[in-house]
Structure formats: C-alpha cells, structure tokens
Amino acid sequence: MLICECGEIIRSGTFRDYIRTSAGPSTLTIGHIKCGHIFNFIDDKKPKRYSSKKELKSIAMSFCEKNNLNFKDIERFLIDVDRLKSIGNLTDGDILIKAFEKLHNK
C-alpha cells in the first residue's frame, strides 16, 4: 500500500517515469497520475505523510471502502486508527497498515 503526498491511497492510476537517483542517471519509477508526484524508491524517499486527525480519518474511510469492510470492522478500524494517531510518531501509511493488520489478527 502506498499513500501519495496528496493523501490518496494508490492502487492504480500510476505512470512510468525515469528519474536521476543515487543508483544511476536514469532509474525507472512510477508517478501518480492524479497529482503528478513522482516516487523515488531507490533513495528511500517514500512519502511520509503526517495528516491531521480529520484528514487521516477521511483517508481511512477511503481505505475501508476500497477493501469492502463491513460496519463492525470499519468501527474497529477507525478506533485503532485514532488510537495510533494519538501516539503521534507514526506516518499515515504506518497507522493504516498497523490498524489493518490488527483488524485481521483478531
């Protein structure tokens, strides 16, 4: 799972591009069609988004819809997202992944 800097969860809607990295002058990577952001995975520059609680809950709901979660699971997922956000040192992607893993490790 990849969360773009624009806040959208990316599963499709990408394009290929070549960028300069520490591995070479022309390294294949992907970009997000919606906002145009190009990812540099070679130099470990994955997007680390730290949203507000309100923005994160919106992203979490989008995540729930894309994964077809039922109402009970959505409730548990959002509670875990809120709890993990309160810790204050995790990125949005880390929070969503940990909450989703906890949901499936009942």
PDB file of N, CA and C in Angstrom:
ATOM      1  N   MET A   1       0.843  -1.172   0.000  1.00  0.00           N
ATOM      2  CA  MET A   1       0.000   0.000   0.000  1.00  0.00           C
ATOM      3  C   MET A   1       0.888   1.235   0.000  1.00  0.00           C
ATOM      4  N   LEU A   2       0.490   2.193  -0.786  1.00  0.00           N
ATOM      5  CA  LEU A   2       1.250   3.415  -0.921  1.00  0.00           C
ATOM      6  C   LEU A   2       0.303   4.599  -0.801  1.00  0.00           C
ATOM      7  N   ILE A   3       0.659   5.536   0.039  1.00  0.00           N
ATOM      8  CA  ILE A   3      -0.130   6.759   0.187  1.00  0.00           C
ATOM      9  C   ILE A   3       0.672   7.895  -0.424  1.00  0.00           C
ATOM     10  N   CYS A   4       0.071   8.573  -1.381  1.00  0.00           N
ATOM     11  CA  CYS A   4       0.734   9.678  -2.061  1.00  0.00           C
ATOM     12  C   CYS A   4       0.774  10.908  -1.149  1.00  0.00           C
ATOM     13  N   GLU A   5       1.621  11.850  -1.494  1.00  0.00           N
ATOM     14  CA  GLU A   5       1.683  13.098  -0.732  1.00  0.00           C
ATOM     15  C   GLU A   5       0.384  13.884  -0.813  1.00  0.00           C
ATOM     16  N   CYS A   6      -0.433  13.607  -1.834  1.00  0.00           N
ATOM     17  CA  CYS A   6      -1.719  14.303  -1.951  1.00  0.00           C
ATOM     18  C   CYS A   6      -2.771  13.689  -1.029  1.00  0.00           C
ATOM     19  N   GLY A   7      -2.438  12.550  -0.378  1.00  0.00           N
ATOM     20  CA  GLY A   7      -3.335  11.932   0.578  1.00  0.00           C
ATOM     21  C   GLY A   7      -4.158  10.782   0.039  1.00  0.00           C
ATOM     22  N   GLU A   8      -4.001  10.447  -1.229  1.00  0.00           N
ATOM     23  CA  GLU A   8      -4.780   9.364  -1.820  1.00  0.00           C
ATOM     24  C   GLU A   8      -4.025   8.044  -1.710  1.00  0.00           C
ATOM     25  N   ILE A   9      -4.772   6.971  -1.457  1.00  0.00           N
ATOM     26  CA  ILE A   9      -4.198   5.633  -1.445  1.00  0.00           C
ATOM     27  C   ILE A   9      -4.055   5.192  -2.894  1.00  0.00           C
ATOM     28  N   ILE A  10      -2.862   4.786  -3.278  1.00  0.00           N
ATOM     29  CA  ILE A  10      -2.593   4.449  -4.670  1.00  0.00           C
ATOM     30  C   ILE A  10      -2.588   2.936  -4.853  1.00  0.00           C
ATOM     31  N   ARG A  11      -3.478   2.483  -5.709  1.00  0.00           N
ATOM     32  CA  ARG A  11      -3.502   1.074  -6.117  1.00  0.00           C
ATOM     33  C   ARG A  11      -3.397   0.981  -7.623  1.00  0.00           C
ATOM     34  N   SER A  12      -3.880   1.992  -8.291  1.00  0.00           N
ATOM     35  CA  SER A  12      -3.778   2.092  -9.747  1.00  0.00           C
ATOM     36  C   SER A  12      -3.684   3.577 -10.064  1.00  0.00           C
ATOM     37  N   GLY A  13      -3.669   3.917 -11.318  1.00  0.00           N
ATOM     38  CA  GLY A  13      -3.578   5.334 -11.673  1.00  0.00           C
ATOM     39  C   GLY A  13      -2.164   5.852 -11.570  1.00  0.00           C
ATOM     40  N   THR A  14      -1.209   5.031 -12.021  1.00  0.00           N
ATOM     41  CA  THR A  14       0.188   5.451 -12.000  1.00  0.00           C
ATOM     42  C   THR A  14       0.735   5.484 -13.424  1.00  0.00           C
ATOM     43  N   PHE A  15       1.849   6.158 -13.576  1.00  0.00           N
ATOM     44  CA  PHE A  15       2.539   6.185 -14.857  1.00  0.00           C
ATOM     45  C   PHE A  15       4.012   5.889 -14.609  1.00  0.00           C
ATOM     46  N   ARG A  16       4.694   5.444 -15.638  1.00  0.00           N
ATOM     47  CA  ARG A  16       6.130   5.162 -15.536  1.00  0.00           C
ATOM     48  C   ARG A  16       6.918   6.411 -15.886  1.00  0.00           C
ATOM     49  N   ASP A  17       8.057   6.556 -15.221  1.00  0.00           N
ATOM     50  CA  ASP A  17       8.927   7.689 -15.490  1.00  0.00           C
ATOM     51  C   ASP A  17      10.357   7.290 -15.149  1.00  0.00           C
ATOM     52  N   TYR A  18      11.304   8.045 -15.654  1.00  0.00           N
ATOM     53  CA  TYR A  18      12.714   7.828 -15.349  1.00  0.00           C
ATOM     54  C   TYR A  18      13.243   9.059 -14.637  1.00  0.00           C
ATOM     55  N   ILE A  19      13.938   8.829 -13.503  1.00  0.00           N
ATOM     56  CA  ILE A  19      14.475   9.943 -12.729  1.00  0.00           C
ATOM     57  C   ILE A  19      15.927   9.668 -12.373  1.00  0.00           C
ATOM     58  N   ARG A  20      16.632  10.719 -11.974  1.00  0.00           N
ATOM     59  CA  ARG A  20      18.012  10.584 -11.510  1.00  0.00           C
ATOM     60  C   ARG A  20      17.976  10.175 -10.040  1.00  0.00           C
ATOM     61  N   THR A  21      18.713   9.102  -9.714  1.00  0.00           N
ATOM     62  CA  THR A  21      18.831   8.633  -8.329  1.00  0.00           C
ATOM     63  C   THR A  21      20.287   8.322  -8.051  1.00  0.00           C
ATOM     64  N   SER A  22      20.565   7.894  -6.834  1.00  0.00           N
ATOM     65  CA  SER A  22      21.934   7.507  -6.486  1.00  0.00           C
ATOM     66  C   SER A  22      22.349   6.235  -7.223  1.00  0.00           C
ATOM     67  N   ALA A  23      21.381   5.461  -7.735  1.00  0.00           N
ATOM     68  CA  ALA A  23      21.682   4.238  -8.468  1.00  0.00           C
ATOM     69  C   ALA A  23      22.075   4.516  -9.918  1.00  0.00           C
ATOM     70  N   GLY A  24      21.680   5.649 -10.441  1.00  0.00           N
ATOM     71  CA  GLY A  24      22.020   5.970 -11.820  1.00  0.00           C
ATOM     72  C   GLY A  24      21.277   7.186 -12.322  1.00  0.00           C
ATOM     73  N   PRO A  25      21.682   7.657 -13.486  1.00  0.00           N
ATOM     74  CA  PRO A  25      21.068   8.874 -14.024  1.00  0.00           C
ATOM     75  C   PRO A  25      19.677   8.660 -14.620  1.00  0.00           C
ATOM     76  N   SER A  26      19.311   7.414 -14.872  1.00  0.00           N
ATOM     77  CA  SER A  26      18.014   7.141 -15.472  1.00  0.00           C
ATOM     78  C   SER A  26      17.421   5.885 -14.838  1.00  0.00           C
ATOM     79  N   THR A  27      16.710   6.078 -13.725  1.00  0.00           N
ATOM     80  CA  THR A  27      16.135   4.970 -12.963  1.00  0.00           C
ATOM     81  C   THR A  27      14.626   4.945 -13.161  1.00  0.00           C
ATOM     82  N   LEU A  28      14.094   3.765 -13.494  1.00  0.00           N
ATOM     83  CA  LEU A  28      12.663   3.608 -13.704  1.00  0.00           C
ATOM     84  C   LEU A  28      11.916   3.713 -12.372  1.00  0.00           C
ATOM     85  N   THR A  29      10.833   4.466 -12.364  1.00  0.00           N
ATOM     86  CA  THR A  29       9.997   4.612 -11.182  1.00  0.00           C
ATOM     87  C   THR A  29       8.560   4.848 -11.632  1.00  0.00           C
ATOM     88  N   ILE A  30       7.702   5.158 -10.688  1.00  0.00           N
ATOM     89  CA  ILE A  30       6.308   5.458 -11.016  1.00  0.00           C
ATOM     90  C   ILE A  30       5.929   6.840 -10.516  1.00  0.00           C
ATOM     91  N   GLY A  31       4.867   7.359 -11.073  1.00  0.00           N
ATOM     92  CA  GLY A  31       4.305   8.621 -10.636  1.00  0.00           C
ATOM     93  C   GLY A  31       2.795   8.470 -10.488  1.00  0.00           C
ATOM     94  N   HIS A  32       2.186   9.367  -9.750  1.00  0.00           N
ATOM     95  CA  HIS A  32       0.747   9.341  -9.510  1.00  0.00           C
ATOM     96  C   HIS A  32       0.069  10.224 -10.554  1.00  0.00           C
ATOM     97  N   ILE A  33      -0.829   9.635 -11.333  1.00  0.00           N
ATOM     98  CA  ILE A  33      -1.486  10.370 -12.410  1.00  0.00           C
ATOM     99  C   ILE A  33      -2.286  11.563 -11.883  1.00  0.00           C
ATOM    100  N   LYS A  34      -2.991  11.384 -10.762  1.00  0.00           N
ATOM    101  CA  LYS A  34      -3.884  12.426 -10.257  1.00  0.00           C
ATOM    102  C   LYS A  34      -3.146  13.717  -9.910  1.00  0.00           C
ATOM    103  N   CYS A  35      -2.020  13.608  -9.208  1.00  0.00           N
ATOM    104  CA  CYS A  35      -1.332  14.830  -8.769  1.00  0.00           C
ATOM    105  C   CYS A  35       0.029  15.046  -9.451  1.00  0.00           C
ATOM    106  N   GLY A  36       0.551  14.011 -10.125  1.00  0.00           N
ATOM    107  CA  GLY A  36       1.824  14.158 -10.820  1.00  0.00           C
ATOM    108  C   GLY A  36       3.053  13.880  -9.977  1.00  0.00           C
ATOM    109  N   HIS A  37       2.879  13.509  -8.712  1.00  0.00           N
ATOM    110  CA  HIS A  37       4.022  13.234  -7.841  1.00  0.00           C
ATOM    111  C   HIS A  37       4.790  12.017  -8.355  1.00  0.00           C
ATOM    112  N   ILE A  38       6.115  12.122  -8.421  1.00  0.00           N
ATOM    113  CA  ILE A  38       6.967  11.022  -8.875  1.00  0.00           C
ATOM    114  C   ILE A  38       7.705  10.469  -7.660  1.00  0.00           C
ATOM    115  N   PHE A  39       7.671   9.155  -7.495  1.00  0.00           N
ATOM    116  CA  PHE A  39       8.249   8.487  -6.329  1.00  0.00           C
ATOM    117  C   PHE A  39       9.695   8.078  -6.586  1.00  0.00           C
ATOM    118  N   ASN A  40      10.537   8.268  -5.570  1.00  0.00           N
ATOM    119  CA  ASN A  40      11.938   7.855  -5.625  1.00  0.00           C
ATOM    120  C   ASN A  40      12.134   6.765  -4.576  1.00  0.00           C
ATOM    121  N   PHE A  41      11.972   5.509  -4.980  1.00  0.00           N
ATOM    122  CA  PHE A  41      12.086   4.386  -4.048  1.00  0.00           C
ATOM    123  C   PHE A  41      13.537   3.983  -3.808  1.00  0.00           C
ATOM    124  N   ILE A  42      14.427   4.308  -4.715  1.00  0.00           N
ATOM    125  CA  ILE A  42      15.831   3.910  -4.617  1.00  0.00           C
ATOM    126  C   ILE A  42      16.518   4.592  -3.440  1.00  0.00           C
ATOM    127  N   ASP A  43      16.326   5.857  -3.308  1.00  0.00           N
ATOM    128  CA  ASP A  43      16.983   6.627  -2.243  1.00  0.00           C
ATOM    129  C   ASP A  43      16.151   6.664  -0.972  1.00  0.00           C
ATOM    130  N   ASP A  44      15.230   5.694  -0.834  1.00  0.00           N
ATOM    131  CA  ASP A  44      14.368   5.571   0.350  1.00  0.00           C
ATOM    132  C   ASP A  44      13.629   6.870   0.640  1.00  0.00           C
ATOM    133  N   LYS A  45      13.054   7.418  -0.393  1.00  0.00           N
ATOM    134  CA  LYS A  45      12.284   8.653  -0.227  1.00  0.00           C
ATOM    135  C   LYS A  45      10.805   8.370  -0.422  1.00  0.00           C
ATOM    136  N   LYS A  46      10.315   7.331   0.267  1.00  0.00           N
ATOM    137  CA  LYS A  46       8.885   7.053   0.228  1.00  0.00           C
ATOM    138  C   LYS A  46       8.169   8.202   0.918  1.00  0.00           C
ATOM    139  N   PRO A  47       6.993   8.548   0.425  1.00  0.00           N
ATOM    140  CA  PRO A  47       6.274   9.660   1.052  1.00  0.00           C
ATOM    141  C   PRO A  47       5.904   9.339   2.496  1.00  0.00           C
ATOM    142  N   LYS A  48       6.193  10.252   3.361  1.00  0.00           N
ATOM    143  CA  LYS A  48       5.860  10.095   4.779  1.00  0.00           C
ATOM    144  C   LYS A  48       4.907  11.212   5.143  1.00  0.00           C
ATOM    145  N   ARG A  49       3.655  10.923   4.980  1.00  0.00           N
ATOM    146  CA  ARG A  49       2.624  11.931   5.220  1.00  0.00           C
ATOM    147  C   ARG A  49       2.157  11.856   6.665  1.00  0.00           C
ATOM    148  N   TYR A  50       2.066  13.011   7.294  1.00  0.00           N
ATOM    149  CA  TYR A  50       1.551  13.145   8.651  1.00  0.00           C
ATOM    150  C   TYR A  50       0.341  14.070   8.595  1.00  0.00           C
ATOM    151  N   SER A  51      -0.835  13.488   8.452  1.00  0.00           N
ATOM    152  CA  SER A  51      -2.068  14.269   8.313  1.00  0.00           C
ATOM    153  C   SER A  51      -2.636  14.640   9.673  1.00  0.00           C
ATOM    154  N   SER A  52      -3.586  15.558   9.646  1.00  0.00           N
ATOM    155  CA  SER A  52      -4.348  15.843  10.858  1.00  0.00           C
ATOM    156  C   SER A  52      -5.282  14.666  11.100  1.00  0.00           C
ATOM    157  N   LYS A  53      -5.888  14.610  12.287  1.00  0.00           N
ATOM    158  CA  LYS A  53      -6.811  13.505  12.595  1.00  0.00           C
ATOM    159  C   LYS A  53      -7.970  13.480  11.608  1.00  0.00           C
ATOM    160  N   LYS A  54      -8.477  14.637  11.273  1.00  0.00           N
ATOM    161  CA  LYS A  54      -9.614  14.717  10.351  1.00  0.00           C
ATOM    162  C   LYS A  54      -9.225  14.193   8.970  1.00  0.00           C
ATOM    163  N   GLU A  55      -8.074  14.623   8.449  1.00  0.00           N
ATOM    164  CA  GLU A  55      -7.616  14.149   7.140  1.00  0.00           C
ATOM    165  C   GLU A  55      -7.361  12.647   7.153  1.00  0.00           C
ATOM    166  N   LEU A  56      -6.750  12.159   8.235  1.00  0.00           N
ATOM    167  CA  LEU A  56      -6.429  10.737   8.333  1.00  0.00           C
ATOM    168  C   LEU A  56      -7.696   9.893   8.372  1.00  0.00           C
ATOM    169  N   LYS A  57      -8.723  10.355   9.065  1.00  0.00           N
ATOM    170  CA  LYS A  57      -9.986   9.598   9.102  1.00  0.00           C
ATOM    171  C   LYS A  57     -10.626   9.549   7.724  1.00  0.00           C
ATOM    172  N   SER A  58     -10.497  10.603   6.952  1.00  0.00           N
ATOM    173  CA  SER A  58     -11.011  10.610   5.584  1.00  0.00           C
ATOM    174  C   SER A  58     -10.255   9.588   4.731  1.00  0.00           C
ATOM    175  N   ILE A  59      -8.938   9.552   4.870  1.00  0.00           N
ATOM    176  CA  ILE A  59      -8.125   8.567   4.148  1.00  0.00           C
ATOM    177  C   ILE A  59      -8.484   7.157   4.610  1.00  0.00           C
ATOM    178  N   ALA A  60      -8.692   6.985   5.915  1.00  0.00           N
ATOM    179  CA  ALA A  60      -9.044   5.673   6.463  1.00  0.00           C
ATOM    180  C   ALA A  60     -10.395   5.197   5.931  1.00  0.00           C
ATOM    181  N   MET A  61     -11.350   6.092   5.797  1.00  0.00           N
ATOM    182  CA  MET A  61     -12.654   5.709   5.252  1.00  0.00           C
ATOM    183  C   MET A  61     -12.535   5.297   3.786  1.00  0.00           C
ATOM    184  N   SER A  62     -11.709   5.992   3.051  1.00  0.00           N
ATOM    185  CA  SER A  62     -11.458   5.620   1.660  1.00  0.00           C
ATOM    186  C   SER A  62     -10.833   4.231   1.602  1.00  0.00           C
ATOM    187  N   PHE A  63      -9.920   3.963   2.522  1.00  0.00           N
ATOM    188  CA  PHE A  63      -9.277   2.655   2.620  1.00  0.00           C
ATOM    189  C   PHE A  63     -10.316   1.574   2.926  1.00  0.00           C
ATOM    190  N   CYS A  64     -11.243   1.859   3.824  1.00  0.00           N
ATOM    191  CA  CYS A  64     -12.306   0.905   4.179  1.00  0.00           C
ATOM    192  C   CYS A  64     -13.186   0.594   2.977  1.00  0.00           C
ATOM    193  N   GLU A  65     -13.545   1.626   2.218  1.00  0.00           N
ATOM    194  CA  GLU A  65     -14.394   1.432   1.046  1.00  0.00           C
ATOM    195  C   GLU A  65     -13.692   0.577   0.001  1.00  0.00           C
ATOM    196  N   LYS A  66     -12.392   0.826  -0.217  1.00  0.00           N
ATOM    197  CA  LYS A  66     -11.650   0.068  -1.218  1.00  0.00           C
ATOM    198  C   LYS A  66     -11.454  -1.382  -0.811  1.00  0.00           C
ATOM    199  N   ASN A  67     -11.480  -1.658   0.487  1.00  0.00           N
ATOM    200  CA  ASN A  67     -11.300  -3.031   0.975  1.00  0.00           C
ATOM    201  C   ASN A  67     -12.615  -3.697   1.355  1.00  0.00           C
ATOM    202  N   ASN A  68     -13.732  -3.044   1.063  1.00  0.00           N
ATOM    203  CA  ASN A  68     -15.071  -3.600   1.303  1.00  0.00           C
ATOM    204  C   ASN A  68     -15.247  -4.126   2.731  1.00  0.00           C
ATOM    205  N   LEU A  69     -14.873  -3.324   3.718  1.00  0.00           N
ATOM    206  CA  LEU A  69     -15.026  -3.731   5.113  1.00  0.00           C
ATOM    207  C   LEU A  69     -16.481  -3.570   5.548  1.00  0.00           C
ATOM    208  N   ASN A  70     -16.947  -4.441   6.436  1.00  0.00           N
ATOM    209  CA  ASN A  70     -18.307  -4.308   6.963  1.00  0.00           C
ATOM    210  C   ASN A  70     -18.318  -3.254   8.075  1.00  0.00           C
ATOM    211  N   PHE A  71     -19.506  -2.907   8.543  1.00  0.00           N
ATOM    212  CA  PHE A  71     -19.636  -1.809   9.510  1.00  0.00           C
ATOM    213  C   PHE A  71     -18.893  -2.085  10.814  1.00  0.00           C
ATOM    214  N   LYS A  72     -18.951  -3.308  11.295  1.00  0.00           N
ATOM    215  CA  LYS A  72     -18.264  -3.651  12.540  1.00  0.00           C
ATOM    216  C   LYS A  72     -16.751  -3.500  12.390  1.00  0.00           C
ATOM    217  N   ASP A  73     -16.217  -3.971  11.266  1.00  0.00           N
ATOM    218  CA  ASP A  73     -14.783  -3.848  11.024  1.00  0.00           C
ATOM    219  C   ASP A  73     -14.365  -2.392  10.813  1.00  0.00           C
ATOM    220  N   ILE A  74     -15.225  -1.613  10.151  1.00  0.00           N
ATOM    221  CA  ILE A  74     -14.931  -0.187   9.960  1.00  0.00           C
ATOM    222  C   ILE A  74     -14.825   0.511  11.310  1.00  0.00           C
ATOM    223  N   GLU A  75     -15.749   0.191  12.205  1.00  0.00           N
ATOM    224  CA  GLU A  75     -15.741   0.800  13.534  1.00  0.00           C
ATOM    225  C   GLU A  75     -14.445   0.471  14.277  1.00  0.00           C
ATOM    226  N   ARG A  76     -14.082  -0.801  14.287  1.00  0.00           N
ATOM    227  CA  ARG A  76     -12.845  -1.221  14.968  1.00  0.00           C
ATOM    228  C   ARG A  76     -11.621  -0.593  14.317  1.00  0.00           C
ATOM    229  N   PHE A  77     -11.616  -0.549  12.977  1.00  0.00           N
ATOM    230  CA  PHE A  77     -10.502   0.017  12.233  1.00  0.00           C
ATOM    231  C   PHE A  77     -10.309   1.494  12.571  1.00  0.00           C
ATOM    232  N   LEU A  78     -11.403   2.266  12.560  1.00  0.00           N
ATOM    233  CA  LEU A  78     -11.311   3.698  12.851  1.00  0.00           C
ATOM    234  C   LEU A  78     -10.881   3.970  14.295  1.00  0.00           C
ATOM    235  N   ILE A  79     -11.321   3.131  15.218  1.00  0.00           N
ATOM    236  CA  ILE A  79     -10.886   3.276  16.619  1.00  0.00           C
ATOM    237  C   ILE A  79      -9.380   3.055  16.724  1.00  0.00           C
ATOM    238  N   ASP A  80      -8.880   2.018  16.040  1.00  0.00           N
ATOM    239  CA  ASP A  80      -7.442   1.751  16.060  1.00  0.00           C
ATOM    240  C   ASP A  80      -6.648   2.856  15.370  1.00  0.00           C
ATOM    241  N   VAL A  81      -7.183   3.387  14.266  1.00  0.00           N
ATOM    242  CA  VAL A  81      -6.513   4.498  13.576  1.00  0.00           C
ATOM    243  C   VAL A  81      -6.409   5.699  14.508  1.00  0.00           C
ATOM    244  N   ASP A  82      -7.494   6.013  15.207  1.00  0.00           N
ATOM    245  CA  ASP A  82      -7.497   7.144  16.138  1.00  0.00           C
ATOM    246  C   ASP A  82      -6.509   6.923  17.281  1.00  0.00           C
ATOM    247  N   ARG A  83      -6.485   5.702  17.815  1.00  0.00           N
ATOM    248  CA  ARG A  83      -5.563   5.374  18.905  1.00  0.00           C
ATOM    249  C   ARG A  83      -4.106   5.493  18.446  1.00  0.00           C
ATOM    250  N   LEU A  84      -3.800   4.958  17.272  1.00  0.00           N
ATOM    251  CA  LEU A  84      -2.428   5.012  16.759  1.00  0.00           C
ATOM    252  C   LEU A  84      -2.018   6.446  16.406  1.00  0.00           C
ATOM    253  N   LYS A  85      -2.956   7.240  15.918  1.00  0.00           N
ATOM    254  CA  LYS A  85      -2.653   8.643  15.606  1.00  0.00           C
ATOM    255  C   LYS A  85      -2.310   9.407  16.879  1.00  0.00           C
ATOM    256  N   SER A  86      -2.941   9.042  17.990  1.00  0.00           N
ATOM    257  CA  SER A  86      -2.685   9.718  19.267  1.00  0.00           C
ATOM    258  C   SER A  86      -1.266   9.478  19.768  1.00  0.00           C
ATOM    259  N   ILE A  87      -0.648   8.397  19.329  1.00  0.00           N
ATOM    260  CA  ILE A  87       0.743   8.139  19.714  1.00  0.00           C
ATOM    261  C   ILE A  87       1.635   9.255  19.189  1.00  0.00           C
ATOM    262  N   GLY A  88       1.350   9.713  17.960  1.00  0.00           N
ATOM    263  CA  GLY A  88       1.986  10.910  17.442  1.00  0.00           C
ATOM    264  C   GLY A  88       3.272  10.754  16.673  1.00  0.00           C
ATOM    265  N   ASN A  89       3.835   9.558  16.541  1.00  0.00           N
ATOM    266  CA  ASN A  89       5.107   9.440  15.843  1.00  0.00           C
ATOM    267  C   ASN A  89       5.068   8.501  14.646  1.00  0.00           C
ATOM    268  N   LEU A  90       3.882   8.120  14.193  1.00  0.00           N
ATOM    269  CA  LEU A  90       3.749   7.218  13.053  1.00  0.00           C
ATOM    270  C   LEU A  90       3.249   7.977  11.828  1.00  0.00           C
ATOM    271  N   THR A  91       3.694   7.544  10.656  1.00  0.00           N
ATOM    272  CA  THR A  91       3.197   8.142   9.419  1.00  0.00           C
ATOM    273  C   THR A  91       1.805   7.606   9.136  1.00  0.00           C
ATOM    274  N   ASP A  92       1.105   8.263   8.237  1.00  0.00           N
ATOM    275  CA  ASP A  92      -0.245   7.820   7.876  1.00  0.00           C
ATOM    276  C   ASP A  92      -0.234   6.382   7.372  1.00  0.00           C
ATOM    277  N   GLY A  93       0.719   6.064   6.519  1.00  0.00           N
ATOM    278  CA  GLY A  93       0.811   4.708   5.986  1.00  0.00           C
ATOM    279  C   GLY A  93       1.036   3.675   7.066  1.00  0.00           C
ATOM    280  N   ASP A  94       1.928   3.982   8.014  1.00  0.00           N
ATOM    281  CA  ASP A  94       2.193   3.056   9.123  1.00  0.00           C
ATOM    282  C   ASP A  94       0.936   2.841   9.968  1.00  0.00           C
ATOM    283  N   ILE A  95       0.196   3.913  10.210  1.00  0.00           N
ATOM    284  CA  ILE A  95      -1.021   3.824  11.017  1.00  0.00           C
ATOM    285  C   ILE A  95      -2.046   2.932  10.334  1.00  0.00           C
ATOM    286  N   LEU A  96      -2.277   3.157   9.053  1.00  0.00           N
ATOM    287  CA  LEU A  96      -3.268   2.363   8.330  1.00  0.00           C
ATOM    288  C   LEU A  96      -2.869   0.887   8.256  1.00  0.00           C
ATOM    289  N   ILE A  97      -1.608   0.626   8.021  1.00  0.00           N
ATOM    290  CA  ILE A  97      -1.138  -0.759   7.939  1.00  0.00           C
ATOM    291  C   ILE A  97      -1.275  -1.459   9.280  1.00  0.00           C
ATOM    292  N   LYS A  98      -0.847  -0.808  10.358  1.00  0.00           N
ATOM    293  CA  LYS A  98      -0.933  -1.423  11.687  1.00  0.00           C
ATOM    294  C   LYS A  98      -2.386  -1.663  12.094  1.00  0.00           C
ATOM    295  N   ALA A  99      -3.257  -0.708  11.818  1.00  0.00           N
ATOM    296  CA  ALA A  99      -4.675  -0.872  12.171  1.00  0.00           C
ATOM    297  C   ALA A  99      -5.309  -1.996  11.355  1.00  0.00           C
ATOM    298  N   PHE A 100      -4.949  -2.104  10.079  1.00  0.00           N
ATOM    299  CA  PHE A 100      -5.494  -3.157   9.231  1.00  0.00           C
ATOM    300  C   PHE A 100      -4.970  -4.527   9.659  1.00  0.00           C
ATOM    301  N   GLU A 101      -3.691  -4.603  10.014  1.00  0.00           N
ATOM    302  CA  GLU A 101      -3.125  -5.874  10.498  1.00  0.00           C
ATOM    303  C   GLU A 101      -3.802  -6.300  11.790  1.00  0.00           C
ATOM    304  N   LYS A 102      -4.036  -5.352  12.689  1.00  0.00           N
ATOM    305  CA  LYS A 102      -4.692  -5.673  13.959  1.00  0.00           C
ATOM    306  C   LYS A 102      -6.120  -6.170  13.715  1.00  0.00           C
ATOM    307  N   LEU A 103      -6.782  -5.591  12.734  1.00  0.00           N
ATOM    308  CA  LEU A 103      -8.143  -5.989  12.399  1.00  0.00           C
ATOM    309  C   LEU A 103      -8.181  -7.452  11.925  1.00  0.00           C
ATOM    310  N   HIS A 104      -7.170  -7.864  11.184  1.00  0.00           N
ATOM    311  CA  HIS A 104      -7.150  -9.224  10.644  1.00  0.00           C
ATOM    312  C   HIS A 104      -6.461 -10.226  11.560  1.00  0.00           C
ATOM    313  N   ASN A 105      -5.891  -9.766  12.646  1.00  0.00           N
ATOM    314  CA  ASN A 105      -5.272 -10.650  13.631  1.00  0.00           C
ATOM    315  C   ASN A 105      -6.106 -10.665  14.899  1.00  0.00           C
ATOM    316  N   LYS A 106      -7.414 -10.768  14.755  1.00  0.00           N
ATOM    317  CA  LYS A 106      -8.359 -10.709  15.885  1.00  0.00           C
ATOM    318  C   LYS A 106      -8.027 -11.743  16.929  1.00  0.00           C
TER     319      LYS A 106
END
